[in-house]
N, C-alpha and C. Protein backbone atom coordinates (compact mmCIF):
# COMPACT_ATOMS: atom_id res chain seq x y z
N MET A 1 3.14 -6.11 3.85
CA MET A 1 3.92 -5.64 5.26
C MET A 1 2.95 -4.85 5.50
N HIS A 2 2.54 -4.08 6.61
CA HIS A 2 1.92 -3.47 6.53
C HIS A 2 1.21 -2.15 7.72
N ARG A 3 0.81 -1.89 7.84
CA ARG A 3 1.44 -0.72 9.17
C ARG A 3 -0.99 -0.20 9.50
N GLY A 4 -1.12 -0.23 10.09
CA GLY A 4 -2.30 -0.32 10.71
C GLY A 4 -3.48 -0.79 9.48
N ASP A 5 -3.46 0.47 8.74
CA ASP A 5 -4.77 -0.49 7.58
C ASP A 5 -3.66 0.06 6.07
N CYS A 6 -2.97 -0.25 6.54
CA CYS A 6 -2.21 0.67 4.62
C CYS A 6 -1.36 -0.26 4.53
N ALA A 7 -0.84 -1.21 3.57
CA ALA A 7 0.27 -2.37 3.28
C ALA A 7 0.44 -2.20 1.47
N ALA A 8 1.56 -3.01 2.29
CA ALA A 8 1.79 -3.48 0.68
C ALA A 8 3.20 -4.39 0.25
N LEU A 9 3.42 -4.55 -1.02
CA LEU A 9 2.99 -6.69 -0.85
C LEU A 9 5.12 -6.08 -1.45
N LEU A 10 5.85 -6.66 -0.89
CA LEU A 10 7.57 -6.89 -0.62
C LEU A 10 8.36 -7.57 -0.77
N ALA A 11 9.41 -7.99 -2.09
CA ALA A 11 9.34 -8.89 -2.85
C ALA A 11 11.06 -9.18 -2.19
N PRO A 12 12.07 -9.88 -2.27
CA PRO A 12 13.67 -10.13 -1.76
C PRO A 12 13.65 -9.63 -3.03
N VAL A 13 15.56 -8.88 -3.06
CA VAL A 13 16.42 -8.90 -4.70
C VAL A 13 17.15 -9.51 -3.96
N GLU A 14 17.86 -8.92 -5.65
CA GLU A 14 19.81 -10.22 -5.53
C GLU A 14 20.28 -9.38 -5.20
N ASN A 15 21.47 -9.74 -4.16
CA ASN A 15 22.05 -8.90 -2.76
C ASN A 15 21.55 -8.80 -1.74
N GLY A 16 20.69 -8.94 -0.94
CA GLY A 16 20.04 -8.59 0.13
C GLY A 16 18.41 -7.18 -0.98
N GLY A 17 18.14 -7.18 0.31
CA GLY A 17 17.12 -5.92 0.59
C GLY A 17 15.96 -6.57 -0.21
N MET A 18 15.05 -5.47 -0.34
CA MET A 18 13.97 -5.93 -0.74
C MET A 18 13.05 -4.41 -2.06
N GLN A 19 12.40 -5.47 -2.29
CA GLN A 19 11.25 -4.23 -3.70
C GLN A 19 10.17 -4.48 -3.54
N LEU A 20 9.71 -3.15 -3.60
CA LEU A 20 7.58 -2.85 -4.10
C LEU A 20 7.67 -4.04 -4.96
N LEU A 21 6.41 -4.86 -4.71
CA LEU A 21 5.98 -5.29 -6.27
C LEU A 21 5.02 -5.27 -6.20
N ALA A 22 4.13 -4.08 -5.14
CA ALA A 22 2.34 -2.82 -6.15
C ALA A 22 2.18 -2.02 -5.28
N ALA A 23 1.88 -1.01 -6.49
CA ALA A 23 1.18 0.03 -5.46
C ALA A 23 0.79 0.06 -4.37
N PRO A 24 0.85 0.75 -2.72
CA PRO A 24 0.09 0.17 -1.25
C PRO A 24 -0.29 0.91 -1.97
N THR A 25 -1.53 0.02 -0.70
CA THR A 25 -2.86 -0.02 -0.86
C THR A 25 -3.70 -0.49 0.40
N PHE A 26 -4.60 -0.23 0.35
CA PHE A 26 -5.80 -0.44 1.95
C PHE A 26 -5.93 -1.90 3.01
N LEU A 27 -5.91 -2.64 3.71
CA LEU A 27 -6.40 -3.79 4.25
C LEU A 27 -7.87 -4.00 3.66
N ILE A 28 -8.51 -4.31 3.35
CA ILE A 28 -10.35 -4.98 4.34
C ILE A 28 -10.20 -5.81 4.13
N ASN A 29 -10.68 -6.11 5.83
CA ASN A 29 -11.43 -7.50 6.19
C ASN A 29 -9.62 -8.01 6.21
N GLY A 30 -8.48 -7.43 6.16
CA GLY A 30 -7.36 -8.51 6.57
C GLY A 30 -6.54 -9.05 4.93
N SER A 31 -7.82 -8.05 4.19
CA SER A 31 -7.97 -8.49 2.29
C SER A 31 -6.59 -7.51 1.81
N LEU A 32 -5.47 -6.64 0.91
CA LEU A 32 -5.08 -6.39 0.44
C LEU A 32 -6.45 -6.07 -0.45
N SER A 33 -6.18 -4.32 -0.85
CA SER A 33 -7.72 -3.86 -1.76
C SER A 33 -7.46 -3.39 -3.48
N VAL A 34 -8.18 -2.89 -4.32
CA VAL A 34 -7.51 -2.82 -5.37
C VAL A 34 -8.52 -1.46 -4.96
N ARG A 35 -7.51 -0.12 -5.56
CA ARG A 35 -8.31 0.60 -5.55
C ARG A 35 -8.48 1.40 -7.12
N ILE A 36 -9.77 1.57 -7.50
CA ILE A 36 -11.17 1.74 -8.60
C ILE A 36 -11.62 2.65 -9.14
N LYS A 37 -12.37 3.35 -9.67
CA LYS A 37 -13.20 4.47 -9.93
C LYS A 37 -14.64 3.43 -10.24
N ARG A 38 -15.61 4.77 -9.21
CA ARG A 38 -16.73 4.03 -9.15
C ARG A 38 -17.33 5.05 -9.43
N GLY A 39 -18.16 5.69 -10.70
CA GLY A 39 -18.55 7.22 -10.77
C GLY A 39 -18.00 7.68 -11.23
N SER A 40 -17.27 9.62 -10.05
CA SER A 40 -16.79 10.20 -9.97
C SER A 40 -16.13 10.25 -8.97
N SER A 41 -16.30 8.78 -8.38
CA SER A 41 -15.64 9.06 -6.87
C SER A 41 -13.89 7.76 -7.13
N GLU A 42 -13.73 7.32 -6.00
CA GLU A 42 -12.51 7.04 -6.07
C GLU A 42 -13.10 5.49 -5.12
N VAL A 43 -13.24 4.34 -4.93
CA VAL A 43 -12.80 3.03 -3.55
C VAL A 43 -11.68 2.23 -4.52
N PHE A 44 -11.97 2.15 -2.83
CA PHE A 44 -10.84 0.47 -1.98
C PHE A 44 -12.32 -0.25 -2.44
N VAL A 45 -11.37 -1.92 -3.04
CA VAL A 45 -12.99 -2.66 -3.84
C VAL A 45 -12.16 -4.27 -2.79
N PHE A 46 -12.27 -5.16 -1.77
CA PHE A 46 -12.05 -6.74 -1.52
C PHE A 46 -13.41 -6.73 -1.87
N LYS A 47 -14.14 -7.93 -3.09
CA LYS A 47 -14.94 -8.56 -3.25
C LYS A 47 -15.71 -7.84 -3.42
N LYS A 48 -16.48 -8.13 -2.37
CA LYS A 48 -18.32 -6.72 -2.01
C LYS A 48 -17.54 -5.79 -1.41
N ASP A 49 -16.80 -5.97 -0.37
CA ASP A 49 -17.13 -4.03 0.22
C ASP A 49 -16.37 -3.53 0.02
N GLU A 50 -16.66 -2.17 0.04
CA GLU A 50 -16.10 -0.75 -0.47
C GLU A 50 -14.93 0.05 0.52
N LEU A 51 -14.56 0.81 0.45
CA LEU A 51 -14.03 2.04 1.55
C LEU A 51 -13.31 2.59 0.14
N PRO A 52 -14.22 4.30 1.22
CA PRO A 52 -13.74 5.17 -0.04
C PRO A 52 -12.29 5.34 0.17
N ALA A 53 -11.90 6.09 -1.30
CA ALA A 53 -10.48 6.90 -0.73
C ALA A 53 -11.17 8.11 -0.66
N THR A 54 -11.32 8.58 0.57
CA THR A 54 -10.72 9.84 1.30
C THR A 54 -10.09 10.22 0.81
N PRO A 55 -9.27 11.74 0.82
CA PRO A 55 -8.24 13.00 0.95
C PRO A 55 -8.21 12.01 1.87
N ALA A 56 -8.54 11.77 3.53
CA ALA A 56 -8.02 11.63 4.49
C ALA A 56 -6.85 10.12 4.23
N ARG A 57 -7.93 9.50 3.15
CA ARG A 57 -6.92 8.03 3.33
C ARG A 57 -5.98 8.19 2.11
N LEU A 58 -5.83 8.36 1.48
CA LEU A 58 -5.19 8.77 0.52
C LEU A 58 -3.76 9.77 0.91
N LYS A 59 -4.11 10.71 1.34
CA LYS A 59 -2.43 10.79 2.46
C LYS A 59 -2.24 9.33 2.87
N GLU A 60 -2.56 8.98 3.88
CA GLU A 60 -2.38 8.32 4.65
C GLU A 60 -1.36 7.12 4.69
N LEU A 61 -2.32 6.95 3.09
CA LEU A 61 -1.19 6.15 2.41
C LEU A 61 -0.44 6.10 1.19
N GLU A 62 -0.75 7.64 0.65
CA GLU A 62 0.39 8.49 0.43
C GLU A 62 2.16 8.30 1.53
N LEU A 63 1.72 8.86 2.45
CA LEU A 63 3.19 9.71 2.98
C LEU A 63 3.32 7.27 3.83
N PHE A 64 2.74 6.41 3.96
CA PHE A 64 2.75 5.31 4.48
C PHE A 64 3.63 5.06 3.20
N ARG A 65 3.36 4.76 1.70
CA ARG A 65 3.90 4.99 0.46
C ARG A 65 5.38 5.16 0.31
N ALA A 66 5.61 7.27 1.14
CA ALA A 66 7.17 7.94 1.38
C ALA A 66 8.18 6.94 2.67
N GLU A 67 7.76 6.21 3.14
CA GLU A 67 8.39 5.74 4.25
C GLU A 67 8.74 4.99 3.56
N LEU A 68 7.53 3.46 3.13
CA LEU A 68 8.40 2.68 2.71
C LEU A 68 9.39 2.53 2.15
N LEU A 69 8.72 3.15 0.87
CA LEU A 69 10.48 3.91 0.37
C LEU A 69 11.62 4.16 0.46
N GLY A 70 11.78 5.31 1.87
CA GLY A 70 12.51 5.65 1.65
C GLY A 70 13.34 4.01 2.61
N ILE A 71 13.10 3.78 3.53
CA ILE A 71 13.37 2.34 3.50
C ILE A 71 14.24 1.29 2.09
N LEU A 72 13.17 1.24 2.31
CA LEU A 72 13.59 0.24 1.01
C LEU A 72 15.26 0.87 1.23
N GLU A 73 15.36 2.44 0.40
CA GLU A 73 16.39 3.13 -0.08
C GLU A 73 17.07 2.44 0.70
N LEU A 74 16.78 2.54 1.63
CA LEU A 74 18.04 2.08 2.80
C LEU A 74 19.40 1.31 2.20
N PRO A 75 21.26 1.59 2.82
CA PRO A 75 21.90 1.23 1.82
C PRO A 75 21.73 -0.59 2.70
N VAL A 76 22.20 -2.21 2.36
CA VAL A 76 22.08 -3.00 2.80
C VAL A 76 23.40 -3.57 3.10
N THR A 77 22.93 -3.56 4.82
CA THR A 77 24.38 -3.99 6.09
C THR A 77 24.70 -4.95 5.70
N GLN A 78 25.22 -5.69 6.37
CA GLN A 78 25.54 -6.79 5.91
C GLN A 78 26.42 -7.95 7.80
């Protein structure tokens, strides 16, 4: 699932619903990135492409994560 440049991997759970498989991250060129420490800063990386982990991006990612977790915690209706 993704919204804007934020993305998360979800998997089905028994009795319906979904669960988060890995921490949400950013898409780089349409692919999931990995957040790593590079020197004294952090970046999101996919292959040779990097995206600085700026305070604005980290805030956007946290808001996406919080909203997604809120949705995943909603009761499943049948």
